[in-house]
PDB file of N, CA and C in Angstrom:
ATOM      1  N   UNK A   1      13.531  -4.089  19.175  1.00  0.00           N
ATOM      2  CA  UNK A   1      12.962  -4.588  17.999  1.00  0.00           C
ATOM      3  C   UNK A   1      11.475  -4.007  17.874  1.00  0.00           C
ATOM      4  N   UNK A   2      10.981  -3.236  17.022  1.00  0.00           N
ATOM      5  CA  UNK A   2       9.593  -2.880  16.972  1.00  0.00           C
ATOM      6  C   UNK A   2       8.933  -3.782  16.112  1.00  0.00           C
ATOM      7  N   UNK A   3       7.891  -4.352  16.570  1.00  0.00           N
ATOM      8  CA  UNK A   3       7.131  -5.180  15.714  1.00  0.00           C
ATOM      9  C   UNK A   3       5.755  -4.526  15.038  1.00  0.00           C
ATOM     10  N   UNK A   4       5.948  -4.478  13.828  1.00  0.00           N
ATOM     11  CA  UNK A   4       4.942  -3.856  12.912  1.00  0.00           C
ATOM     12  C   UNK A   4       3.656  -4.797  12.790  1.00  0.00           C
ATOM     13  N   UNK A   5       2.528  -4.156  12.824  1.00  0.00           N
ATOM     14  CA  UNK A   5       1.361  -4.942  12.418  1.00  0.00           C
ATOM     15  C   UNK A   5       1.226  -5.002  10.875  1.00  0.00           C
ATOM     16  N   UNK A   6       0.690  -5.936  10.396  1.00  0.00           N
ATOM     17  CA  UNK A   6       0.692  -6.238   8.912  1.00  0.00           C
ATOM     18  C   UNK A   6       0.001  -4.970   8.276  1.00  0.00           C
ATOM     19  N   UNK A   7      -0.984  -4.422   8.848  1.00  0.00           N
ATOM     20  CA  UNK A   7      -1.634  -3.163   8.274  1.00  0.00           C
ATOM     21  C   UNK A   7      -0.759  -1.957   8.073  1.00  0.00           C
ATOM     22  N   UNK A   8       0.087  -1.828   9.265  1.00  0.00           N
ATOM     23  CA  UNK A   8       1.148  -0.843   9.289  1.00  0.00           C
ATOM     24  C   UNK A   8       2.200  -1.136   8.122  1.00  0.00           C
ATOM     25  N   UNK A   9       2.630  -2.325   8.192  1.00  0.00           N
ATOM     26  CA  UNK A   9       3.724  -2.722   6.988  1.00  0.00           C
ATOM     27  C   UNK A   9       3.129  -2.376   5.629  1.00  0.00           C
ATOM     28  N   UNK A  10       1.864  -2.656   5.466  1.00  0.00           N
ATOM     29  CA  UNK A  10       1.215  -2.421   4.113  1.00  0.00           C
ATOM     30  C   UNK A  10       1.169  -1.063   3.767  1.00  0.00           C
ATOM     31  N   UNK A  11       0.738  -0.393   4.813  1.00  0.00           N
ATOM     32  CA  UNK A  11       0.525   1.125   4.573  1.00  0.00           C
ATOM     33  C   UNK A  11       1.940   1.850   4.142  1.00  0.00           C
ATOM     34  N   UNK A  12       3.056   1.394   5.016  1.00  0.00           N
ATOM     35  CA  UNK A  12       4.453   1.928   4.710  1.00  0.00           C
ATOM     36  C   UNK A  12       4.749   1.579   3.118  1.00  0.00           C
ATOM     37  N   UNK A  13       4.645   0.411   2.729  1.00  0.00           N
ATOM     38  CA  UNK A  13       5.055   0.086   1.491  1.00  0.00           C
ATOM     39  C   UNK A  13       4.126   0.697   0.439  1.00  0.00           C
ATOM     40  N   UNK A  14       2.899   0.653   0.808  1.00  0.00           N
ATOM     41  CA  UNK A  14       2.075   1.431  -0.308  1.00  0.00           C
ATOM     42  C   UNK A  14       2.431   2.840  -0.605  1.00  0.00           C
ATOM     43  N   UNK A  15       2.710   3.567   0.652  1.00  0.00           N
ATOM     44  CA  UNK A  15       3.195   4.997   0.566  1.00  0.00           C
ATOM     45  C   UNK A  15       4.416   5.107  -0.148  1.00  0.00           C
ATOM     46  N   UNK A  16       5.387   4.151   0.221  1.00  0.00           N
ATOM     47  CA  UNK A  16       6.732   4.335  -0.321  1.00  0.00           C
ATOM     48  C   UNK A  16       6.625   4.103  -1.904  1.00  0.00           C
ATOM     49  N   UNK A  17       5.966   3.074  -2.385  1.00  0.00           N
ATOM     50  CA  UNK A  17       5.844   2.828  -3.702  1.00  0.00           C
ATOM     51  C   UNK A  17       5.168   4.052  -4.329  1.00  0.00           C
ATOM     52  N   UNK A  18       3.974   4.602  -3.854  1.00  0.00           N
ATOM     53  CA  UNK A  18       3.455   5.623  -4.426  1.00  0.00           C
ATOM     54  C   UNK A  18       4.323   6.906  -4.609  1.00  0.00           C
ATOM     55  N   UNK A  19       5.126   7.147  -3.526  1.00  0.00           N
ATOM     56  CA  UNK A  19       6.168   8.260  -3.744  1.00  0.00           C
ATOM     57  C   UNK A  19       7.244   7.967  -4.709  1.00  0.00           C
ATOM     58  N   UNK A  20       7.502   6.855  -4.815  1.00  0.00           N
ATOM     59  CA  UNK A  20       8.430   6.195  -5.794  1.00  0.00           C
ATOM     60  C   UNK A  20       8.089   6.677  -7.163  1.00  0.00           C
ATOM     61  N   UNK A  21       6.705   6.500  -7.339  1.00  0.00           N
ATOM     62  CA  UNK A  21       6.123   6.837  -8.538  1.00  0.00           C
ATOM     63  C   UNK A  21       5.636   8.269  -8.811  1.00  0.00           C
ATOM     64  N   UNK A  22       6.135   9.227  -7.880  1.00  0.00           N
ATOM     65  CA  UNK A  22       5.839  10.584  -7.819  1.00  0.00           C
ATOM     66  C   UNK A  22       4.324  10.691  -8.009  1.00  0.00           C
ATOM     67  N   UNK A  23       3.421   9.964  -7.358  1.00  0.00           N
ATOM     68  CA  UNK A  23       1.935  10.085  -7.326  1.00  0.00           C
ATOM     69  C   UNK A  23       1.370  10.493  -6.024  1.00  0.00           C
ATOM     70  N   UNK A  24       0.434  11.484  -6.273  1.00  0.00           N
ATOM     71  CA  UNK A  24      -0.344  11.772  -5.068  1.00  0.00           C
ATOM     72  C   UNK A  24      -1.473  10.819  -4.772  1.00  0.00           C
ATOM     73  N   UNK A  25      -1.903  10.914  -3.426  1.00  0.00           N
ATOM     74  CA  UNK A  25      -3.091  10.066  -2.972  1.00  0.00           C
ATOM     75  C   UNK A  25      -4.262  10.248  -3.827  1.00  0.00           C
ATOM     76  N   UNK A  26      -4.462  11.403  -4.335  1.00  0.00           N
ATOM     77  CA  UNK A  26      -5.566  11.643  -5.207  1.00  0.00           C
ATOM     78  C   UNK A  26      -5.519  10.950  -6.481  1.00  0.00           C
ATOM     79  N   UNK A  27      -4.264  11.071  -7.089  1.00  0.00           N
ATOM     80  CA  UNK A  27      -3.900  10.337  -8.448  1.00  0.00           C
ATOM     81  C   UNK A  27      -4.084   8.813  -8.320  1.00  0.00           C
ATOM     82  N   UNK A  28      -3.569   8.220  -7.211  1.00  0.00           N
ATOM     83  CA  UNK A  28      -3.744   6.837  -6.901  1.00  0.00           C
ATOM     84  C   UNK A  28      -5.120   6.429  -6.679  1.00  0.00           C
ATOM     85  N   UNK A  29      -5.828   7.419  -6.024  1.00  0.00           N
ATOM     86  CA  UNK A  29      -7.354   6.925  -5.680  1.00  0.00           C
ATOM     87  C   UNK A  29      -8.117   6.971  -7.148  1.00  0.00           C
ATOM     88  N   UNK A  30      -7.747   7.971  -7.954  1.00  0.00           N
ATOM     89  CA  UNK A  30      -8.457   8.006  -9.317  1.00  0.00           C
ATOM     90  C   UNK A  30      -8.099   6.724 -10.162  1.00  0.00           C
ATOM     91  N   UNK A  31      -6.807   6.549 -10.259  1.00  0.00           N
ATOM     92  CA  UNK A  31      -6.412   5.282 -10.987  1.00  0.00           C
ATOM     93  C   UNK A  31      -6.935   4.063 -10.471  1.00  0.00           C
ATOM     94  N   UNK A  32      -6.948   3.841  -9.168  1.00  0.00           N
ATOM     95  CA  UNK A  32      -7.357   2.511  -8.598  1.00  0.00           C
ATOM     96  C   UNK A  32      -8.937   2.363  -8.427  1.00  0.00           C
ATOM     97  N   UNK A  33      -9.763   3.595  -8.519  1.00  0.00           N
ATOM     98  CA  UNK A  33     -11.076   3.582  -8.398  1.00  0.00           C
ATOM     99  C   UNK A  33     -11.428   3.615  -6.863  1.00  0.00           C
ATOM    100  N   UNK A  34     -10.581   3.940  -6.009  1.00  0.00           N
ATOM    101  CA  UNK A  34     -10.824   4.008  -4.645  1.00  0.00           C
ATOM    102  C   UNK A  34     -10.941   5.561  -4.173  1.00  0.00           C
ATOM    103  N   UNK A  35     -11.442   5.683  -2.919  1.00  0.00           N
ATOM    104  CA  UNK A  35     -11.541   7.161  -2.384  1.00  0.00           C
ATOM    105  C   UNK A  35     -10.093   7.402  -1.829  1.00  0.00           C
ATOM    106  N   UNK A  36      -9.909   8.617  -1.942  1.00  0.00           N
ATOM    107  CA  UNK A  36      -8.581   9.277  -1.397  1.00  0.00           C
ATOM    108  C   UNK A  36      -8.595   8.989   0.187  1.00  0.00           C
ATOM    109  N   UNK A  37      -9.541   9.196   0.861  1.00  0.00           N
ATOM    110  CA  UNK A  37      -9.660   9.018   2.198  1.00  0.00           C
ATOM    111  C   UNK A  37      -9.204   7.454   2.442  1.00  0.00           C
ATOM    112  N   UNK A  38      -9.840   6.525   1.813  1.00  0.00           N
ATOM    113  CA  UNK A  38      -9.298   5.320   2.027  1.00  0.00           C
ATOM    114  C   UNK A  38      -8.008   5.007   1.938  1.00  0.00           C
ATOM    115  N   UNK A  39      -7.290   5.546   0.772  1.00  0.00           N
ATOM    116  CA  UNK A  39      -5.874   5.446   0.405  1.00  0.00           C
ATOM    117  C   UNK A  39      -5.190   5.960   1.688  1.00  0.00           C
ATOM    118  N   UNK A  40      -5.637   7.216   2.295  1.00  0.00           N
ATOM    119  CA  UNK A  40      -4.974   7.577   3.468  1.00  0.00           C
ATOM    120  C   UNK A  40      -4.953   6.768   4.562  1.00  0.00           C
ATOM    121  N   UNK A  41      -6.186   6.124   4.820  1.00  0.00           N
ATOM    122  CA  UNK A  41      -6.277   5.199   6.006  1.00  0.00           C
ATOM    123  C   UNK A  41      -5.520   3.903   5.636  1.00  0.00           C
ATOM    124  N   UNK A  42      -5.224   3.532   4.474  1.00  0.00           N
ATOM    125  CA  UNK A  42      -4.334   2.296   4.179  1.00  0.00           C
ATOM    126  C   UNK A  42      -2.926   2.622   4.554  1.00  0.00           C
ATOM    127  N   UNK A  43      -2.518   3.969   4.133  1.00  0.00           N
ATOM    128  CA  UNK A  43      -1.237   4.340   4.277  1.00  0.00           C
ATOM    129  C   UNK A  43      -0.963   4.574   5.837  1.00  0.00           C
ATOM    130  N   UNK A  44      -1.772   4.839   6.552  1.00  0.00           N
ATOM    131  CA  UNK A  44      -1.689   5.091   8.036  1.00  0.00           C
ATOM    132  C   UNK A  44      -1.773   3.829   8.829  1.00  0.00           C
ATOM    133  N   UNK A  45      -2.176   2.761   8.155  1.00  0.00           N
ATOM    134  CA  UNK A  45      -2.241   1.356   8.947  1.00  0.00           C
ATOM    135  C   UNK A  45      -3.572   1.337   9.651  1.00  0.00           C
ATOM    136  N   UNK A  46      -4.599   2.086   9.226  1.00  0.00           N
ATOM    137  CA  UNK A  46      -5.832   2.062   9.913  1.00  0.00           C
ATOM    138  C   UNK A  46      -6.923   1.200   9.300  1.00  0.00           C
ATOM    139  N   UNK A  47      -6.613   0.782   7.941  1.00  0.00           N
ATOM    140  CA  UNK A  47      -7.656  -0.186   7.215  1.00  0.00           C
ATOM    141  C   UNK A  47      -6.661  -1.154   6.584  1.00  0.00           C
ATOM    142  N   UNK A  48      -7.352  -2.360   6.321  1.00  0.00           N
ATOM    143  CA  UNK A  48      -6.527  -3.306   5.757  1.00  0.00           C
ATOM    144  C   UNK A  48      -7.147  -3.648   4.279  1.00  0.00           C
ATOM    145  N   UNK A  49      -6.419  -3.753   3.161  1.00  0.00           N
ATOM    146  CA  UNK A  49      -7.033  -3.963   1.874  1.00  0.00           C
ATOM    147  C   UNK A  49      -7.633  -5.400   1.672  1.00  0.00           C
ATOM    148  N   UNK A  50      -8.569  -5.454   0.978  1.00  0.00           N
ATOM    149  CA  UNK A  50      -9.038  -6.736   0.435  1.00  0.00           C
ATOM    150  C   UNK A  50      -7.990  -7.161  -0.705  1.00  0.00           C
ATOM    151  N   UNK A  51      -8.330  -8.416  -1.146  1.00  0.00           N
ATOM    152  CA  UNK A  51      -7.460  -8.998  -2.194  1.00  0.00           C
ATOM    153  C   UNK A  51      -7.850  -8.118  -3.526  1.00  0.00           C
ATOM    154  N   UNK A  52      -9.100  -7.831  -3.720  1.00  0.00           N
ATOM    155  CA  UNK A  52      -9.329  -7.053  -4.682  1.00  0.00           C
ATOM    156  C   UNK A  52      -8.658  -5.590  -4.853  1.00  0.00           C
ATOM    157  N   UNK A  53      -8.802  -4.915  -3.749  1.00  0.00           N
ATOM    158  CA  UNK A  53      -7.990  -3.798  -3.467  1.00  0.00           C
ATOM    159  C   UNK A  53      -6.632  -3.767  -3.700  1.00  0.00           C
ATOM    160  N   UNK A  54      -6.004  -4.951  -3.237  1.00  0.00           N
ATOM    161  CA  UNK A  54      -4.552  -5.039  -3.474  1.00  0.00           C
ATOM    162  C   UNK A  54      -4.237  -5.038  -4.937  1.00  0.00           C
ATOM    163  N   UNK A  55      -4.998  -5.753  -5.774  1.00  0.00           N
ATOM    164  CA  UNK A  55      -4.809  -5.878  -7.338  1.00  0.00           C
ATOM    165  C   UNK A  55      -5.073  -4.407  -7.781  1.00  0.00           C
ATOM    166  N   UNK A  56      -6.150  -3.902  -7.438  1.00  0.00           N
ATOM    167  CA  UNK A  56      -6.372  -2.543  -7.923  1.00  0.00           C
ATOM    168  C   UNK A  56      -5.415  -1.499  -7.784  1.00  0.00           C
ATOM    169  N   UNK A  57      -4.825  -1.473  -6.442  1.00  0.00           N
ATOM    170  CA  UNK A  57      -3.718  -0.657  -6.118  1.00  0.00           C
ATOM    171  C   UNK A  57      -2.484  -1.050  -6.992  1.00  0.00           C
ATOM    172  N   UNK A  58      -2.136  -2.248  -7.170  1.00  0.00           N
ATOM    173  CA  UNK A  58      -0.991  -2.740  -7.875  1.00  0.00           C
ATOM    174  C   UNK A  58      -1.011  -2.429  -9.353  1.00  0.00           C
ATOM    175  N   UNK A  59      -2.311  -2.469  -9.898  1.00  0.00           N
ATOM    176  CA  UNK A  59      -2.444  -2.089 -11.332  1.00  0.00           C
ATOM    177  C   UNK A  59      -2.283  -0.455 -11.594  1.00  0.00           C
ATOM    178  N   UNK A  60      -2.767   0.329 -10.523  1.00  0.00           N
ATOM    179  CA  UNK A  60      -2.642   1.600 -10.620  1.00  0.00           C
ATOM    180  C   UNK A  60      -1.137   2.016 -10.422  1.00  0.00           C
ATOM    181  N   UNK A  61      -0.457   1.425  -9.705  1.00  0.00           N
ATOM    182  CA  UNK A  61       0.987   1.722  -9.315  1.00  0.00           C
ATOM    183  C   UNK A  61       1.887   1.050 -10.394  1.00  0.00           C
ATOM    184  N   UNK A  62       1.356   0.222 -11.317  1.00  0.00           N
ATOM    185  CA  UNK A  62       2.118  -0.471 -12.336  1.00  0.00           C
ATOM    186  C   UNK A  62       3.171  -1.408 -11.704  1.00  0.00           C
ATOM    187  N   UNK A  63       2.762  -2.132 -10.704  1.00  0.00           N
ATOM    188  CA  UNK A  63       3.615  -3.162  -9.966  1.00  0.00           C
ATOM    189  C   UNK A  63       2.902  -4.370  -9.915  1.00  0.00           C
ATOM    190  N   UNK A  64       3.467  -5.510  -9.794  1.00  0.00           N
ATOM    191  CA  UNK A  64       2.798  -6.841  -9.638  1.00  0.00           C
ATOM    192  C   UNK A  64       2.509  -6.756  -7.909  1.00  0.00           C
ATOM    193  N   UNK A  65       1.411  -7.550  -7.729  1.00  0.00           N
ATOM    194  CA  UNK A  65       0.859  -7.461  -6.319  1.00  0.00           C
ATOM    195  C   UNK A  65       1.958  -8.224  -5.480  1.00  0.00           C
ATOM    196  N   UNK A  66       2.577  -9.314  -6.081  1.00  0.00           N
ATOM    197  CA  UNK A  66       3.581  -9.977  -5.316  1.00  0.00           C
ATOM    198  C   UNK A  66       4.617  -9.182  -4.766  1.00  0.00           C
ATOM    199  N   UNK A  67       5.048  -7.978  -5.643  1.00  0.00           N
ATOM    200  CA  UNK A  67       6.208  -7.379  -5.272  1.00  0.00           C
ATOM    201  C   UNK A  67       5.790  -6.375  -3.977  1.00  0.00           C
ATOM    202  N   UNK A  68       4.358  -5.999  -3.982  1.00  0.00           N
ATOM    203  CA  UNK A  68       4.061  -5.358  -2.635  1.00  0.00           C
ATOM    204  C   UNK A  68       4.103  -6.345  -1.496  1.00  0.00           C
ATOM    205  N   UNK A  69       3.736  -7.396  -1.704  1.00  0.00           N
ATOM    206  CA  UNK A  69       3.632  -8.611  -0.589  1.00  0.00           C
ATOM    207  C   UNK A  69       5.085  -8.940  -0.113  1.00  0.00           C
ATOM    208  N   UNK A  70       5.940  -9.064  -1.136  1.00  0.00           N
ATOM    209  CA  UNK A  70       7.347  -9.286  -0.878  1.00  0.00           C
ATOM    210  C   UNK A  70       8.029  -8.118   0.057  1.00  0.00           C
ATOM    211  N   UNK A  71       7.651  -6.966  -0.232  1.00  0.00           N
ATOM    212  CA  UNK A  71       8.100  -5.781   0.367  1.00  0.00           C
ATOM    213  C   UNK A  71       7.593  -5.741   1.942  1.00  0.00           C
ATOM    214  N   UNK A  72       6.297  -6.114   1.873  1.00  0.00           N
ATOM    215  CA  UNK A  72       5.712  -6.237   3.280  1.00  0.00           C
ATOM    216  C   UNK A  72       6.326  -7.341   4.206  1.00  0.00           C
ATOM    217  N   UNK A  73       6.504  -8.442   3.445  1.00  0.00           N
ATOM    218  CA  UNK A  73       7.216  -9.640   4.225  1.00  0.00           C
ATOM    219  C   UNK A  73       8.654  -9.062   4.850  1.00  0.00           C
ATOM    220  N   UNK A  74       9.280  -8.342   3.941  1.00  0.00           N
ATOM    221  CA  UNK A  74      10.735  -7.981   4.442  1.00  0.00           C
ATOM    222  C   UNK A  74      10.651  -6.999   5.592  1.00  0.00           C
ATOM    223  N   UNK A  75       9.637  -6.227   5.675  1.00  0.00           N
ATOM    224  CA  UNK A  75       9.489  -5.177   6.618  1.00  0.00           C
ATOM    225  C   UNK A  75       9.145  -6.097   7.989  1.00  0.00           C
ATOM    226  N   UNK A  76       8.129  -6.991   7.691  1.00  0.00           N
ATOM    227  CA  UNK A  76       7.728  -7.574   9.107  1.00  0.00           C
ATOM    228  C   UNK A  76       8.903  -8.514   9.725  1.00  0.00           C
ATOM    229  N   UNK A  77       9.703  -9.243   8.805  1.00  0.00           N
ATOM    230  CA  UNK A  77      10.700  -9.904   9.218  1.00  0.00           C
ATOM    231  C   UNK A  77      12.040  -9.045   9.693  1.00  0.00           C
ATOM    232  N   UNK A  78      12.182  -8.000   9.367  1.00  0.00           N
ATOM    233  CA  UNK A  78      13.112  -7.087   9.986  1.00  0.00           C
ATOM    234  C   UNK A  78      12.893  -6.138  11.062  1.00  0.00           C
ATOM    235  N   UNK A  79      11.556  -5.923  11.255  1.00  0.00           N
ATOM    236  CA  UNK A  79      11.266  -5.002  12.352  1.00  0.00           C
ATOM    237  C   UNK A  79      10.627  -5.913  13.560  1.00  0.00           C
TER     238      UNK A  79
END
């Protein structure tokens, strides 16, 4: 069993949701007001989002923040 770190689980969920929405990192960055390189670091598990960033990303992705959190929890409990 591989244990994911929280930031890695967040990155996987963020990337999965972004791709489900057929959105590029550049588009997500623009819509969320964040830098594309920061989005990349989040997706690679190199950075952790603040609560404000979580809400900004959720808004840009048109999902509720708790949907992202729930998916992260599932990953953490199954890996």
